[in-house]
Amino acid sequence: MPKKAARILAFDTAVASEELEAAISYLEQKLDSASMRNEPVPFLAYRNRMIFRTTLDIRHGTKNRHGES
């Protein structure tokens, strides 16, 4: 499901890459904050960060961590 969502989002021109980068930054702050407080990882923040990163990888034509483009 996250990979499918990323592919759909990658071809949606309504969301700019800059907006995705800003969202990723925000989600990373949220995850880091939870980690520093020794709290559980907020699942939706983690999932959305992965979707947005994969979306940017698709848009840039780069391979992700699993060797997929």
Protein backbone atom coordinates (compact mmCIF):
# COMPACT_ATOMS: atom_id res chain seq x y z
CA MET A 1 0.00 0.00 0.00
CA PRO A 2 2.67 2.63 0.82
CA LYS A 3 4.49 1.92 -2.45
CA LYS A 4 1.23 2.28 -4.39
CA ALA A 5 0.46 5.55 -2.60
CA ALA A 6 3.94 6.85 -3.40
CA ARG A 7 3.54 6.05 -7.09
CA ILE A 8 0.20 7.81 -7.24
CA LEU A 9 1.59 10.84 -5.42
CA ALA A 10 4.71 10.92 -7.60
CA PHE A 11 2.63 11.69 -10.67
CA ASP A 12 0.27 14.13 -8.93
CA THR A 13 1.41 17.61 -9.90
CA ALA A 14 -0.78 19.23 -7.23
CA VAL A 15 1.92 18.45 -4.64
CA ALA A 16 5.31 20.03 -5.34
CA SER A 17 8.57 18.31 -4.45
CA GLU A 18 9.41 21.22 -2.15
CA GLU A 19 6.23 20.55 -0.19
CA LEU A 20 7.19 16.89 0.15
CA GLU A 21 10.66 17.85 1.36
CA ALA A 22 9.13 20.18 3.97
CA ALA A 23 6.75 17.44 5.11
CA ILE A 24 9.63 14.96 5.39
CA SER A 25 11.58 17.45 7.49
CA TYR A 26 8.61 17.96 9.80
CA LEU A 27 8.06 14.22 10.16
CA GLU A 28 11.74 13.63 10.89
CA GLN A 29 11.55 16.23 13.67
CA LYS A 30 8.50 14.48 15.07
CA LEU A 31 10.24 11.09 14.99
CA ASP A 32 13.44 12.51 16.51
CA SER A 33 11.44 14.19 19.27
CA ALA A 34 9.70 10.92 20.16
CA SER A 35 13.05 9.15 20.17
CA MET A 36 14.63 11.73 22.48
CA ARG A 37 11.73 11.36 24.91
CA ASN A 38 12.10 7.57 24.68
CA GLU A 39 8.53 7.26 23.39
CA PRO A 40 7.24 4.77 20.84
CA VAL A 41 7.68 5.70 17.19
CA PRO A 42 4.54 7.40 15.88
CA PHE A 43 3.59 4.87 13.21
CA LEU A 44 1.76 7.27 10.90
CA ALA A 45 4.66 9.71 10.97
CA TYR A 46 7.07 6.91 10.06
CA ARG A 47 4.76 5.55 7.34
CA ASN A 48 4.13 8.95 5.78
CA ARG A 49 7.84 9.81 5.81
CA MET A 50 8.54 6.58 3.92
CA ILE A 51 5.79 7.33 1.40
CA PHE A 52 7.07 10.87 0.82
CA ARG A 53 10.70 9.74 0.49
CA THR A 54 9.69 7.05 -1.99
CA THR A 55 7.65 9.64 -3.90
CA LEU A 56 10.69 11.90 -4.21
CA ASP A 57 12.84 8.92 -5.28
CA ILE A 58 10.34 8.12 -8.03
CA ARG A 59 10.21 11.75 -9.16
CA HIS A 60 14.00 11.97 -9.27
CA GLY A 61 14.33 8.59 -10.95
CA THR A 62 16.64 7.32 -8.23
CA LYS A 63 16.68 3.93 -6.65
CA ASN A 64 15.41 3.62 -3.12
CA ARG A 65 17.03 1.68 -0.30
CA HIS A 66 15.70 -1.63 -1.67
CA GLY A 67 17.15 -1.11 -5.15
CA GLU A 68 13.77 -0.30 -6.68
CA SER A 69 13.02 2.78 -8.74
